[in-house]
Amino acid sequence: LPASQVGAVLASVPLVGMLSQPLWGLLSDRSGSRSFVLALIAASAAVCYALLASARGFAAVLAGTALLACSATALIPSCTAVSLELCGSAAFGRLRVFGTLGFGACLVAFQPLLAAYQRSVGLAAEVGGPSQPGLALIFPATCACTLLAALFALALPRGSSSARAQPGDWRALWRVAAFPRAV
């Protein structure tokens, strides 16, 4: 894709995320079942990663990326909300450390897995071609990891009904001095 089209694809992620994240948060807050909504978000993201793997051309890549952003941008905030609800703020820091270590392990492990895949199917970088042939493997790998995360999220406790937001609770946020400045 030309640079302007790559820019449009990349710009779609925060744009769609700004619109979709509050909707997921609203569903999570109103249902009172943050862990189930987290599982739904992760399953949706997994499906979108699988769809994006087959996208060809600007329009398909843009649509696939925007569709993925509808759910993937809400994963981290939803994980944070579920983690805080289930383990409390005291254990949250330790839990985040394990999340960071897991993310780092995936980054480190993917390159050797890609190299093994390239060797197994005879892919090699060629002049004028992609520098990492077979890199599209990242989409099914991410799909599988995200789907596994969705299954784990389904096994989490549902949380307490006291965590359910009531209509109009958002007004209380505006009374906290820092919130309007953050928005």
N, C-alpha and C. Protein backbone atom coordinates (compact mmCIF):
# COMPACT_ATOMS: atom_id res chain seq x y z
N LEU A 1 0.84 -1.18 0.00
CA LEU A 1 0.00 0.00 0.00
C LEU A 1 0.88 1.25 0.00
N PRO A 2 0.46 2.27 -0.71
CA PRO A 2 1.20 3.54 -0.65
C PRO A 2 1.12 4.15 0.76
N ALA A 3 2.03 5.05 1.04
CA ALA A 3 2.13 5.63 2.38
C ALA A 3 0.82 6.28 2.84
N SER A 4 0.11 6.95 1.95
CA SER A 4 -1.14 7.60 2.36
C SER A 4 -2.20 6.57 2.76
N GLN A 5 -2.22 5.43 2.08
CA GLN A 5 -3.18 4.39 2.44
C GLN A 5 -2.78 3.71 3.74
N VAL A 6 -1.49 3.50 3.96
CA VAL A 6 -1.03 2.95 5.23
C VAL A 6 -1.41 3.90 6.36
N GLY A 7 -1.25 5.20 6.13
CA GLY A 7 -1.64 6.19 7.13
C GLY A 7 -3.12 6.12 7.45
N ALA A 8 -3.95 5.95 6.43
CA ALA A 8 -5.40 5.85 6.64
C ALA A 8 -5.75 4.60 7.44
N VAL A 9 -5.10 3.48 7.12
CA VAL A 9 -5.35 2.24 7.84
C VAL A 9 -4.96 2.40 9.31
N LEU A 10 -3.78 2.97 9.55
CA LEU A 10 -3.32 3.15 10.93
C LEU A 10 -4.17 4.17 11.68
N ALA A 11 -4.65 5.18 11.01
CA ALA A 11 -5.50 6.19 11.66
C ALA A 11 -6.87 5.63 12.02
N SER A 12 -7.30 4.58 11.32
CA SER A 12 -8.62 4.01 11.61
C SER A 12 -8.67 3.37 13.00
N VAL A 13 -7.53 2.90 13.50
CA VAL A 13 -7.52 2.20 14.79
C VAL A 13 -7.92 3.13 15.94
N PRO A 14 -7.24 4.27 16.15
CA PRO A 14 -7.69 5.13 17.26
C PRO A 14 -9.05 5.76 17.00
N LEU A 15 -9.35 6.07 15.75
CA LEU A 15 -10.65 6.67 15.45
C LEU A 15 -11.79 5.73 15.81
N VAL A 16 -11.71 4.50 15.37
CA VAL A 16 -12.75 3.52 15.68
C VAL A 16 -12.72 3.19 17.17
N GLY A 17 -11.53 3.12 17.76
CA GLY A 17 -11.41 2.83 19.19
C GLY A 17 -12.08 3.88 20.06
N MET A 18 -11.96 5.15 19.66
CA MET A 18 -12.61 6.22 20.43
C MET A 18 -14.13 6.06 20.43
N LEU A 19 -14.65 5.50 19.36
CA LEU A 19 -16.10 5.32 19.27
C LEU A 19 -16.57 4.02 19.92
N SER A 20 -15.78 2.96 19.77
CA SER A 20 -16.24 1.64 20.23
C SER A 20 -15.94 1.36 21.70
N GLN A 21 -14.82 1.85 22.23
CA GLN A 21 -14.47 1.56 23.62
C GLN A 21 -15.56 1.99 24.60
N PRO A 22 -16.11 3.18 24.46
CA PRO A 22 -17.17 3.56 25.41
C PRO A 22 -18.40 2.65 25.31
N LEU A 23 -18.68 2.12 24.13
CA LEU A 23 -19.83 1.22 23.99
C LEU A 23 -19.59 -0.10 24.72
N TRP A 24 -18.37 -0.64 24.60
CA TRP A 24 -18.03 -1.86 25.33
C TRP A 24 -18.07 -1.59 26.83
N GLY A 25 -17.56 -0.43 27.24
CA GLY A 25 -17.58 -0.07 28.67
C GLY A 25 -18.99 0.05 29.19
N LEU A 26 -19.86 0.65 28.39
CA LEU A 26 -21.26 0.79 28.77
C LEU A 26 -21.91 -0.59 28.94
N LEU A 27 -21.66 -1.48 27.97
CA LEU A 27 -22.20 -2.84 28.06
C LEU A 27 -21.67 -3.55 29.30
N SER A 28 -20.38 -3.39 29.55
CA SER A 28 -19.76 -4.03 30.71
C SER A 28 -20.32 -3.48 32.02
N ASP A 29 -20.44 -2.16 32.09
CA ASP A 29 -20.94 -1.53 33.32
C ASP A 29 -22.41 -1.84 33.56
N ARG A 30 -23.20 -1.80 32.53
CA ARG A 30 -24.64 -2.02 32.69
C ARG A 30 -24.97 -3.49 32.95
N SER A 31 -24.19 -4.40 32.37
CA SER A 31 -24.48 -5.82 32.57
C SER A 31 -23.99 -6.30 33.93
N GLY A 32 -22.92 -5.65 34.45
CA GLY A 32 -22.34 -6.10 35.72
C GLY A 32 -21.52 -7.36 35.57
N SER A 33 -21.33 -7.84 34.34
CA SER A 33 -20.56 -9.05 34.10
C SER A 33 -19.36 -8.72 33.23
N ARG A 34 -18.40 -8.05 33.83
CA ARG A 34 -17.23 -7.61 33.08
C ARG A 34 -16.44 -8.78 32.49
N SER A 35 -16.36 -9.88 33.20
CA SER A 35 -15.58 -11.02 32.69
C SER A 35 -16.24 -11.62 31.45
N PHE A 36 -17.57 -11.69 31.42
CA PHE A 36 -18.25 -12.20 30.23
C PHE A 36 -18.07 -11.25 29.06
N VAL A 37 -18.18 -9.95 29.31
CA VAL A 37 -17.99 -8.96 28.24
C VAL A 37 -16.54 -9.02 27.74
N LEU A 38 -15.59 -9.22 28.64
CA LEU A 38 -14.20 -9.38 28.24
C LEU A 38 -14.05 -10.59 27.31
N ALA A 39 -14.69 -11.69 27.66
CA ALA A 39 -14.64 -12.88 26.80
C ALA A 39 -15.25 -12.58 25.43
N LEU A 40 -16.33 -11.85 25.41
CA LEU A 40 -16.99 -11.47 24.15
C LEU A 40 -16.07 -10.58 23.31
N ILE A 41 -15.42 -9.61 23.94
CA ILE A 41 -14.49 -8.73 23.24
C ILE A 41 -13.33 -9.53 22.65
N ALA A 42 -12.76 -10.42 23.46
CA ALA A 42 -11.62 -11.22 22.99
C ALA A 42 -12.03 -12.15 21.85
N ALA A 43 -13.19 -12.79 21.96
CA ALA A 43 -13.66 -13.67 20.87
C ALA A 43 -13.90 -12.87 19.60
N SER A 44 -14.47 -11.68 19.75
CA SER A 44 -14.69 -10.82 18.59
C SER A 44 -13.37 -10.41 17.94
N ALA A 45 -12.40 -10.06 18.76
CA ALA A 45 -11.08 -9.70 18.23
C ALA A 45 -10.44 -10.89 17.52
N ALA A 46 -10.58 -12.09 18.08
CA ALA A 46 -10.01 -13.29 17.44
C ALA A 46 -10.60 -13.50 16.05
N VAL A 47 -11.91 -13.37 15.94
CA VAL A 47 -12.56 -13.51 14.63
C VAL A 47 -12.04 -12.45 13.66
N CYS A 48 -11.88 -11.23 14.15
CA CYS A 48 -11.40 -10.13 13.29
C CYS A 48 -9.96 -10.35 12.85
N TYR A 49 -9.10 -10.90 13.72
CA TYR A 49 -7.73 -11.23 13.31
C TYR A 49 -7.76 -12.27 12.19
N ALA A 50 -8.63 -13.25 12.31
CA ALA A 50 -8.73 -14.27 11.27
C ALA A 50 -9.21 -13.66 9.95
N LEU A 51 -10.17 -12.76 10.03
CA LEU A 51 -10.67 -12.10 8.82
C LEU A 51 -9.61 -11.20 8.19
N LEU A 52 -8.87 -10.49 9.02
CA LEU A 52 -7.85 -9.58 8.51
C LEU A 52 -6.74 -10.33 7.79
N ALA A 53 -6.51 -11.57 8.16
CA ALA A 53 -5.47 -12.37 7.51
C ALA A 53 -5.75 -12.57 6.03
N SER A 54 -7.01 -12.56 5.66
CA SER A 54 -7.35 -12.79 4.24
C SER A 54 -7.65 -11.50 3.49
N ALA A 55 -7.51 -10.35 4.12
CA ALA A 55 -7.80 -9.07 3.47
C ALA A 55 -6.74 -8.76 2.42
N ARG A 56 -7.19 -8.37 1.26
CA ARG A 56 -6.28 -8.00 0.16
C ARG A 56 -6.76 -6.68 -0.42
N GLY A 57 -5.84 -5.75 -0.62
CA GLY A 57 -6.18 -4.46 -1.18
C GLY A 57 -6.56 -3.46 -0.11
N PHE A 58 -6.49 -2.19 -0.48
CA PHE A 58 -6.70 -1.11 0.48
C PHE A 58 -8.06 -1.17 1.17
N ALA A 59 -9.14 -1.29 0.41
CA ALA A 59 -10.48 -1.25 1.00
C ALA A 59 -10.68 -2.39 1.98
N ALA A 60 -10.22 -3.58 1.64
CA ALA A 60 -10.39 -4.74 2.52
C ALA A 60 -9.53 -4.61 3.77
N VAL A 61 -8.30 -4.13 3.62
CA VAL A 61 -7.42 -3.96 4.77
C VAL A 61 -7.96 -2.86 5.69
N LEU A 62 -8.44 -1.77 5.10
CA LEU A 62 -9.02 -0.68 5.90
C LEU A 62 -10.25 -1.17 6.66
N ALA A 63 -11.15 -1.86 5.97
CA ALA A 63 -12.37 -2.37 6.62
C ALA A 63 -12.02 -3.40 7.69
N GLY A 64 -11.09 -4.30 7.39
CA GLY A 64 -10.69 -5.32 8.37
C GLY A 64 -10.03 -4.72 9.59
N THR A 65 -9.19 -3.72 9.37
CA THR A 65 -8.52 -3.06 10.49
C THR A 65 -9.52 -2.29 11.35
N ALA A 66 -10.44 -1.61 10.71
CA ALA A 66 -11.47 -0.87 11.46
C ALA A 66 -12.35 -1.82 12.25
N LEU A 67 -12.71 -2.94 11.63
CA LEU A 67 -13.53 -3.93 12.33
C LEU A 67 -12.77 -4.51 13.52
N LEU A 68 -11.49 -4.80 13.33
CA LEU A 68 -10.66 -5.30 14.42
C LEU A 68 -10.57 -4.27 15.54
N ALA A 69 -10.42 -3.00 15.18
CA ALA A 69 -10.30 -1.94 16.19
C ALA A 69 -11.56 -1.83 17.05
N CYS A 70 -12.71 -2.24 16.51
CA CYS A 70 -13.95 -2.20 17.29
C CYS A 70 -13.83 -3.00 18.58
N SER A 71 -13.11 -4.09 18.53
CA SER A 71 -12.97 -4.92 19.73
C SER A 71 -11.57 -4.88 20.33
N ALA A 72 -10.54 -4.92 19.51
CA ALA A 72 -9.18 -5.04 20.03
C ALA A 72 -8.77 -3.84 20.87
N THR A 73 -9.25 -2.65 20.54
CA THR A 73 -8.87 -1.48 21.33
C THR A 73 -9.49 -1.50 22.72
N ALA A 74 -10.52 -2.29 22.91
CA ALA A 74 -11.18 -2.38 24.22
C ALA A 74 -10.62 -3.51 25.08
N LEU A 75 -9.73 -4.33 24.53
CA LEU A 75 -9.21 -5.46 25.30
C LEU A 75 -8.46 -5.03 26.56
N ILE A 76 -7.49 -4.13 26.43
CA ILE A 76 -6.68 -3.74 27.58
C ILE A 76 -7.52 -3.03 28.65
N PRO A 77 -8.36 -2.04 28.28
CA PRO A 77 -9.18 -1.44 29.33
C PRO A 77 -10.11 -2.44 30.01
N SER A 78 -10.65 -3.38 29.26
CA SER A 78 -11.54 -4.38 29.84
C SER A 78 -10.77 -5.33 30.76
N CYS A 79 -9.58 -5.73 30.33
CA CYS A 79 -8.74 -6.58 31.19
C CYS A 79 -8.43 -5.85 32.50
N THR A 80 -8.14 -4.56 32.40
CA THR A 80 -7.85 -3.78 33.59
C THR A 80 -9.05 -3.75 34.53
N ALA A 81 -10.23 -3.50 33.99
CA ALA A 81 -11.44 -3.44 34.82
C ALA A 81 -11.72 -4.78 35.49
N VAL A 82 -11.58 -5.87 34.74
CA VAL A 82 -11.83 -7.20 35.31
C VAL A 82 -10.79 -7.52 36.37
N SER A 83 -9.53 -7.22 36.09
CA SER A 83 -8.46 -7.49 37.06
C SER A 83 -8.67 -6.73 38.35
N LEU A 84 -9.00 -5.46 38.23
CA LEU A 84 -9.24 -4.66 39.44
C LEU A 84 -10.44 -5.17 40.22
N GLU A 85 -11.49 -5.57 39.50
CA GLU A 85 -12.69 -6.06 40.18
C GLU A 85 -12.42 -7.38 40.91
N LEU A 86 -11.68 -8.27 40.27
CA LEU A 86 -11.50 -9.61 40.83
C LEU A 86 -10.38 -9.71 41.87
N CYS A 87 -9.30 -8.94 41.69
CA CYS A 87 -8.18 -9.12 42.63
C CYS A 87 -7.94 -7.90 43.50
N GLY A 88 -8.58 -6.80 43.23
CA GLY A 88 -8.39 -5.60 44.04
C GLY A 88 -7.12 -4.87 43.67
N SER A 89 -7.01 -3.66 44.16
CA SER A 89 -5.88 -2.82 43.77
C SER A 89 -4.56 -3.29 44.37
N ALA A 90 -4.60 -3.98 45.52
CA ALA A 90 -3.36 -4.42 46.16
C ALA A 90 -2.61 -5.44 45.30
N ALA A 91 -3.32 -6.38 44.70
CA ALA A 91 -2.68 -7.41 43.89
C ALA A 91 -2.56 -7.02 42.43
N PHE A 92 -3.17 -5.91 42.03
CA PHE A 92 -3.20 -5.52 40.62
C PHE A 92 -1.80 -5.31 40.05
N GLY A 93 -0.91 -4.69 40.82
CA GLY A 93 0.45 -4.43 40.34
C GLY A 93 1.18 -5.72 40.01
N ARG A 94 1.08 -6.70 40.89
CA ARG A 94 1.75 -7.99 40.64
C ARG A 94 1.15 -8.66 39.41
N LEU A 95 -0.16 -8.57 39.27
CA LEU A 95 -0.83 -9.16 38.11
C LEU A 95 -0.36 -8.50 36.82
N ARG A 96 -0.21 -7.17 36.82
CA ARG A 96 0.25 -6.44 35.64
C ARG A 96 1.66 -6.86 35.25
N VAL A 97 2.50 -7.15 36.25
CA VAL A 97 3.86 -7.60 35.95
C VAL A 97 3.82 -8.88 35.14
N PHE A 98 2.95 -9.83 35.53
CA PHE A 98 2.85 -11.08 34.78
C PHE A 98 2.31 -10.84 33.37
N GLY A 99 1.40 -9.91 33.22
CA GLY A 99 0.89 -9.56 31.89
C GLY A 99 1.99 -9.00 31.00
N THR A 100 2.82 -8.14 31.57
CA THR A 100 3.93 -7.55 30.83
C THR A 100 4.95 -8.61 30.45
N LEU A 101 5.25 -9.53 31.39
CA LEU A 101 6.19 -10.61 31.10
C LEU A 101 5.64 -11.53 30.01
N GLY A 102 4.34 -11.82 30.06
CA GLY A 102 3.73 -12.66 29.03
C GLY A 102 3.78 -12.00 27.66
N PHE A 103 3.51 -10.70 27.61
CA PHE A 103 3.59 -9.96 26.36
C PHE A 103 5.02 -10.01 25.81
N GLY A 104 5.99 -9.77 26.68
CA GLY A 104 7.39 -9.82 26.26
C GLY A 104 7.79 -11.20 25.76
N ALA A 105 7.32 -12.24 26.45
CA ALA A 105 7.64 -13.61 26.02
C ALA A 105 7.07 -13.90 24.64
N CYS A 106 5.88 -13.42 24.36
CA CYS A 106 5.29 -13.61 23.03
C CYS A 106 6.11 -12.90 21.96
N LEU A 107 6.58 -11.70 22.27
CA LEU A 107 7.40 -10.96 21.31
C LEU A 107 8.70 -11.69 21.02
N VAL A 108 9.32 -12.20 22.08
CA VAL A 108 10.60 -12.90 21.92
C VAL A 108 10.39 -14.23 21.20
N ALA A 109 9.33 -14.94 21.50
CA ALA A 109 9.10 -16.27 20.95
C ALA A 109 8.65 -16.24 19.49
N PHE A 110 8.02 -15.16 19.05
CA PHE A 110 7.45 -15.17 17.70
C PHE A 110 8.53 -15.23 16.62
N GLN A 111 9.64 -14.52 16.77
CA GLN A 111 10.68 -14.51 15.73
C GLN A 111 11.23 -15.91 15.46
N PRO A 112 11.61 -16.69 16.48
CA PRO A 112 12.07 -18.06 16.19
C PRO A 112 10.97 -18.93 15.56
N LEU A 113 9.72 -18.73 15.98
CA LEU A 113 8.62 -19.48 15.38
C LEU A 113 8.45 -19.11 13.91
N LEU A 114 8.57 -17.83 13.59
CA LEU A 114 8.48 -17.39 12.19
C LEU A 114 9.63 -17.96 11.38
N ALA A 115 10.83 -17.93 11.93
CA ALA A 115 12.00 -18.48 11.22
C ALA A 115 11.83 -19.97 10.96
N ALA A 116 11.32 -20.71 11.93
CA ALA A 116 11.07 -22.15 11.73
C ALA A 116 10.01 -22.37 10.66
N TYR A 117 8.96 -21.56 10.67
CA TYR A 117 7.92 -21.66 9.65
C TYR A 117 8.50 -21.35 8.26
N GLN A 118 9.32 -20.32 8.17
CA GLN A 118 9.93 -19.96 6.89
C GLN A 118 10.78 -21.11 6.36
N ARG A 119 11.56 -21.73 7.24
CA ARG A 119 12.39 -22.87 6.82
C ARG A 119 11.53 -24.06 6.39
N SER A 120 10.45 -24.31 7.12
CA SER A 120 9.63 -25.50 6.84
C SER A 120 8.90 -25.41 5.51
N VAL A 121 8.58 -24.19 5.06
CA VAL A 121 7.87 -24.06 3.78
C VAL A 121 8.76 -23.46 2.69
N GLY A 122 10.04 -23.27 2.99
CA GLY A 122 11.00 -22.79 1.99
C GLY A 122 10.86 -21.32 1.63
N LEU A 123 10.51 -20.49 2.57
CA LEU A 123 10.41 -19.05 2.31
C LEU A 123 11.73 -18.37 2.62
N ALA A 124 12.15 -17.47 1.75
CA ALA A 124 13.36 -16.69 1.99
C ALA A 124 13.14 -15.28 1.44
N ALA A 125 13.78 -14.33 2.08
CA ALA A 125 13.67 -12.95 1.62
C ALA A 125 14.33 -12.81 0.26
N GLU A 126 13.67 -12.09 -0.65
CA GLU A 126 14.21 -11.84 -1.98
C GLU A 126 14.25 -10.34 -2.22
N VAL A 127 15.18 -9.91 -3.06
CA VAL A 127 15.29 -8.49 -3.39
C VAL A 127 13.98 -8.04 -4.04
N GLY A 128 13.43 -6.96 -3.52
CA GLY A 128 12.17 -6.44 -4.04
C GLY A 128 10.94 -7.09 -3.43
N GLY A 129 11.14 -8.11 -2.61
CA GLY A 129 10.03 -8.80 -1.97
C GLY A 129 9.95 -8.42 -0.50
N PRO A 130 9.06 -9.06 0.23
CA PRO A 130 8.95 -8.76 1.65
C PRO A 130 10.22 -9.17 2.40
N SER A 131 10.57 -8.37 3.40
CA SER A 131 11.77 -8.68 4.19
C SER A 131 11.55 -9.88 5.09
N GLN A 132 10.29 -10.14 5.45
CA GLN A 132 9.94 -11.29 6.28
C GLN A 132 8.80 -12.05 5.61
N PRO A 133 9.10 -12.87 4.60
CA PRO A 133 8.01 -13.61 3.96
C PRO A 133 7.35 -14.56 4.97
N GLY A 134 6.06 -14.66 4.87
CA GLY A 134 5.33 -15.51 5.80
C GLY A 134 4.92 -14.79 7.06
N LEU A 135 5.19 -13.48 7.15
CA LEU A 135 4.85 -12.72 8.36
C LEU A 135 3.34 -12.72 8.60
N ALA A 136 2.56 -12.98 7.57
CA ALA A 136 1.11 -13.05 7.75
C ALA A 136 0.72 -14.13 8.76
N LEU A 137 1.66 -14.99 9.11
CA LEU A 137 1.43 -16.00 10.15
C LEU A 137 1.04 -15.34 11.47
N ILE A 138 1.39 -14.07 11.63
CA ILE A 138 1.09 -13.37 12.87
C ILE A 138 -0.42 -13.28 13.10
N PHE A 139 -1.22 -13.24 12.03
CA PHE A 139 -2.67 -13.13 12.20
C PHE A 139 -3.29 -14.40 12.78
N PRO A 140 -3.04 -15.59 12.21
CA PRO A 140 -3.60 -16.78 12.87
C PRO A 140 -3.01 -17.04 14.25
N ALA A 141 -1.74 -16.68 14.46
CA ALA A 141 -1.14 -16.86 15.78
C ALA A 141 -1.82 -15.96 16.80
N THR A 142 -2.05 -14.71 16.43
CA THR A 142 -2.73 -13.77 17.32
C THR A 142 -4.18 -14.18 17.53
N CYS A 143 -4.81 -14.67 16.47
CA CYS A 143 -6.19 -15.17 16.56
C CYS A 143 -6.25 -16.30 17.59
N ALA A 144 -5.33 -17.24 17.52
CA ALA A 144 -5.33 -18.38 18.44
C ALA A 144 -5.10 -17.92 19.89
N CYS A 145 -4.15 -17.02 20.09
CA CYS A 145 -3.87 -16.52 21.45
C CYS A 145 -5.07 -15.75 22.00
N THR A 146 -5.70 -14.95 21.16
CA THR A 146 -6.84 -14.15 21.62
C THR A 146 -8.05 -15.04 21.89
N LEU A 147 -8.23 -16.06 21.08
CA LEU A 147 -9.32 -17.01 21.32
C LEU A 147 -9.09 -17.78 22.63
N LEU A 148 -7.85 -18.14 22.89
CA LEU A 148 -7.51 -18.80 24.15
C LEU A 148 -7.79 -17.86 25.33
N ALA A 149 -7.46 -16.59 25.17
CA ALA A 149 -7.75 -15.61 26.22
C ALA A 149 -9.26 -15.50 26.44
N ALA A 150 -10.05 -15.57 25.38
CA ALA A 150 -11.51 -15.51 25.51
C ALA A 150 -12.01 -16.70 26.32
N LEU A 151 -11.46 -17.87 26.07
CA LEU A 151 -11.87 -19.06 26.83
C LEU A 151 -11.51 -18.92 28.31
N PHE A 152 -10.32 -18.39 28.59
CA PHE A 152 -9.93 -18.16 29.98
C PHE A 152 -10.86 -17.13 30.63
N ALA A 153 -11.21 -16.10 29.88
CA ALA A 153 -12.10 -15.06 30.43
C ALA A 153 -13.47 -15.64 30.77
N LEU A 154 -13.93 -16.60 29.98
CA LEU A 154 -15.22 -17.24 30.30
C LEU A 154 -15.17 -17.99 31.62
N ALA A 155 -13.99 -18.47 32.00
CA ALA A 155 -13.84 -19.22 33.24
C ALA A 155 -13.70 -18.32 34.46
N LEU A 156 -13.54 -17.02 34.26
CA LEU A 156 -13.39 -16.10 35.39
C LEU A 156 -14.72 -15.94 36.12
N PRO A 157 -14.64 -15.64 37.41
CA PRO A 157 -15.88 -15.36 38.14
C PRO A 157 -16.58 -14.14 37.53
N ARG A 158 -17.87 -14.10 37.66
CA ARG A 158 -18.66 -13.03 37.06
C ARG A 158 -18.59 -11.72 37.82
N GLY A 159 -18.03 -11.70 39.00
CA GLY A 159 -17.97 -10.45 39.77
C GLY A 159 -19.26 -10.26 40.54
N SER A 160 -19.31 -9.18 41.25
CA SER A 160 -20.48 -8.93 42.08
C SER A 160 -21.47 -8.02 41.36
N SER A 161 -22.72 -8.17 41.70
CA SER A 161 -23.73 -7.32 41.08
C SER A 161 -23.60 -5.88 41.55
N SER A 162 -22.85 -5.66 42.64
CA SER A 162 -22.66 -4.29 43.10
C SER A 162 -21.77 -3.51 42.14
N ALA A 163 -21.10 -4.22 41.23
CA ALA A 163 -20.25 -3.55 40.26
C ALA A 163 -21.06 -3.00 39.09
N ARG A 164 -22.33 -3.27 39.07
CA ARG A 164 -23.18 -2.82 37.97
C ARG A 164 -23.42 -1.32 38.07
N ALA A 165 -23.20 -0.62 36.99
CA ALA A 165 -23.42 0.82 36.96
C ALA A 165 -24.90 1.12 36.79
N GLN A 166 -25.28 2.22 37.35
CA GLN A 166 -26.66 2.67 37.24
C GLN A 166 -26.74 3.81 36.23
N PRO A 167 -27.90 3.97 35.60
CA PRO A 167 -28.04 5.10 34.67
C PRO A 167 -27.73 6.42 35.40
N GLY A 168 -26.95 7.24 34.76
CA GLY A 168 -26.60 8.54 35.34
C GLY A 168 -25.35 8.52 36.19
N ASP A 169 -24.75 7.34 36.43
CA ASP A 169 -23.53 7.28 37.23
C ASP A 169 -22.38 8.08 36.62
N TRP A 170 -22.43 8.28 35.31
CA TRP A 170 -21.36 9.02 34.65
C TRP A 170 -21.27 10.46 35.18
N ARG A 171 -22.36 10.97 35.68
CA ARG A 171 -22.34 12.35 36.21
C ARG A 171 -21.39 12.46 37.41
N ALA A 172 -21.27 11.40 38.18
CA ALA A 172 -20.36 11.42 39.33
C ALA A 172 -18.92 11.61 38.89
N LEU A 173 -18.57 11.09 37.71
CA LEU A 173 -17.22 11.27 37.19
C LEU A 173 -16.92 12.75 36.94
N TRP A 174 -17.88 13.47 36.45
CA TRP A 174 -17.66 14.88 36.14
C TRP A 174 -17.46 15.72 37.40
N ARG A 175 -17.88 15.21 38.55
CA ARG A 175 -17.66 15.93 39.80
C ARG A 175 -16.25 15.72 40.35
N VAL A 176 -15.51 14.75 39.80
CA VAL A 176 -14.11 14.55 40.17
C VAL A 176 -13.30 15.53 39.31
N ALA A 177 -12.59 16.43 39.95
CA ALA A 177 -11.93 17.54 39.25
C ALA A 177 -11.01 17.08 38.12
N ALA A 178 -10.31 15.99 38.31
CA ALA A 178 -9.35 15.56 37.29
C ALA A 178 -10.00 14.97 36.05
N PHE A 179 -11.20 14.44 36.17
CA PHE A 179 -11.82 13.76 35.03
C PHE A 179 -12.11 14.68 33.86
N PRO A 180 -12.78 15.81 34.04
CA PRO A 180 -13.03 16.69 32.89
C PRO A 180 -11.74 17.15 32.21
N ARG A 181 -10.68 17.34 32.99
CA ARG A 181 -9.39 17.74 32.38
C ARG A 181 -8.81 16.61 31.56
N ALA A 182 -9.01 15.35 32.00
CA ALA A 182 -8.48 14.20 31.26
C ALA A 182 -9.21 13.99 29.95
N VAL A 183 -10.48 14.33 29.94
CA VAL A 183 -11.29 14.16 28.72
C VAL A 183 -10.90 15.24 27.75
